[in-house]
Amino acid sequence: MVADEKACDAGDFESCDNLGLAYIGIKLEECDLDKNYEKAFALFKKACDGEYVRACVNLGVAYRKGEGVKRTNQRPPSSIKKPAIAAIC
């Protein structure tokens, strides 16, 4: 996962998303990381801000489940919708 960390730091948003997935346990078998929803949330946000659509979906799920962010009844920021909508249209 060191390669993903370096790639994410360099602006490779797919690597940020993959690393976020590892931190929530989706790709945990591929690396030696403990679950950390706060780190995953930050990585999904970074990738979504870079308009990596899958990360925007993962960020929306994190908001919905309250993983890595305080769960509220409010909707996620509209900024995560734009890239996801663009991918569908």
Protein backbone atom coordinates (compact mmCIF):
# COMPACT_ATOMS: atom_id res chain seq x y z
CA MET A 1 0.00 0.00 0.00
CA VAL A 2 3.06 2.25 0.16
CA ALA A 3 2.80 2.64 -3.61
CA ASP A 4 -0.83 3.76 -3.29
CA GLU A 5 0.11 6.26 -0.58
CA LYS A 6 2.82 7.79 -2.76
CA ALA A 7 0.57 7.82 -5.82
CA CYS A 8 -2.26 9.42 -3.84
CA ASP A 9 0.11 12.08 -2.51
CA ALA A 10 1.10 12.75 -6.13
CA GLY A 11 -2.53 13.30 -7.16
CA ASP A 12 -3.53 9.84 -8.41
CA PHE A 13 -7.11 9.84 -7.17
CA GLU A 14 -7.76 6.19 -8.02
CA SER A 15 -4.96 5.31 -5.60
CA CYS A 16 -6.56 7.53 -2.94
CA ASP A 17 -9.85 5.69 -3.41
CA ASN A 18 -8.17 2.27 -3.30
CA LEU A 19 -6.37 3.22 -0.12
CA GLY A 20 -9.65 4.43 1.38
CA LEU A 21 -11.24 1.10 0.54
CA ALA A 22 -8.37 -0.66 2.29
CA TYR A 23 -8.96 1.41 5.42
CA ILE A 24 -12.62 0.37 5.57
CA GLY A 25 -11.75 -3.27 5.03
CA ILE A 26 -12.83 -3.74 1.41
CA LYS A 27 -9.29 -4.44 0.23
CA LEU A 28 -7.86 -5.24 3.66
CA GLU A 29 -6.64 -8.67 2.62
CA GLU A 30 -4.23 -7.02 0.18
CA CYS A 31 -2.46 -4.97 2.84
CA ASP A 32 -1.62 -4.77 6.50
CA LEU A 33 -3.88 -1.93 7.68
CA ASP A 34 -6.22 -1.60 10.62
CA LYS A 35 -9.68 -0.27 9.87
CA ASN A 36 -9.77 3.51 10.13
CA TYR A 37 -12.93 5.18 8.88
CA GLU A 38 -11.63 8.70 9.46
CA LYS A 39 -8.63 8.11 7.20
CA ALA A 40 -10.85 6.43 4.61
CA PHE A 41 -13.26 9.37 4.67
CA ALA A 42 -10.40 11.86 4.14
CA LEU A 43 -9.05 9.82 1.23
CA PHE A 44 -12.48 9.50 -0.42
CA LYS A 45 -12.98 13.25 -0.02
CA LYS A 46 -9.61 14.03 -1.57
CA ALA A 47 -10.34 11.77 -4.54
CA CYS A 48 -13.89 13.08 -4.92
CA ASP A 49 -12.61 16.66 -4.85
CA GLY A 50 -10.41 15.54 -7.74
CA GLU A 51 -13.61 14.36 -9.49
CA TYR A 52 -12.86 10.64 -9.23
CA VAL A 53 -16.45 9.40 -9.41
CA ARG A 54 -16.12 6.09 -7.55
CA ALA A 55 -14.66 7.99 -4.59
CA CYS A 56 -17.68 10.32 -4.64
CA VAL A 57 -19.94 7.29 -4.37
CA ASN A 58 -17.83 5.93 -1.50
CA LEU A 59 -17.92 9.34 0.16
CA GLY A 60 -21.71 9.40 -0.11
CA VAL A 61 -21.89 5.95 1.50
CA ALA A 62 -19.62 7.15 4.32
CA TYR A 63 -21.92 10.14 4.91
CA ARG A 64 -24.99 7.90 4.88
CA LYS A 65 -23.50 5.39 7.32
CA GLY A 66 -21.71 7.96 9.46
CA GLU A 67 -18.36 6.27 8.89
CA GLY A 68 -15.50 8.68 9.46
CA VAL A 69 -17.89 11.59 9.79
CA LYS A 70 -20.60 12.46 12.28
CA ARG A 71 -23.89 11.06 11.07
CA THR A 72 -26.64 13.61 10.77
CA ASN A 73 -29.97 13.80 9.02
CA GLN A 74 -28.52 16.34 6.62
CA ARG A 75 -27.75 15.39 3.06
CA PRO A 76 -24.11 15.15 1.93
CA PRO A 77 -22.68 18.30 0.33
CA SER A 78 -23.85 18.88 -3.22
CA SER A 79 -20.22 18.92 -4.36
CA ILE A 80 -20.11 15.11 -4.22
CA LYS A 81 -23.10 14.85 -6.53
CA LYS A 82 -21.65 16.72 -9.50
CA PRO A 83 -18.97 14.21 -10.54
CA ALA A 84 -21.28 11.25 -9.96
CA ILE A 85 -24.07 12.80 -12.05
CA ALA A 86 -21.60 13.64 -14.80
CA ALA A 87 -20.56 10.00 -15.02
CA ILE A 88 -24.16 8.82 -15.37
CA CYS A 89 -25.14 11.33 -18.08
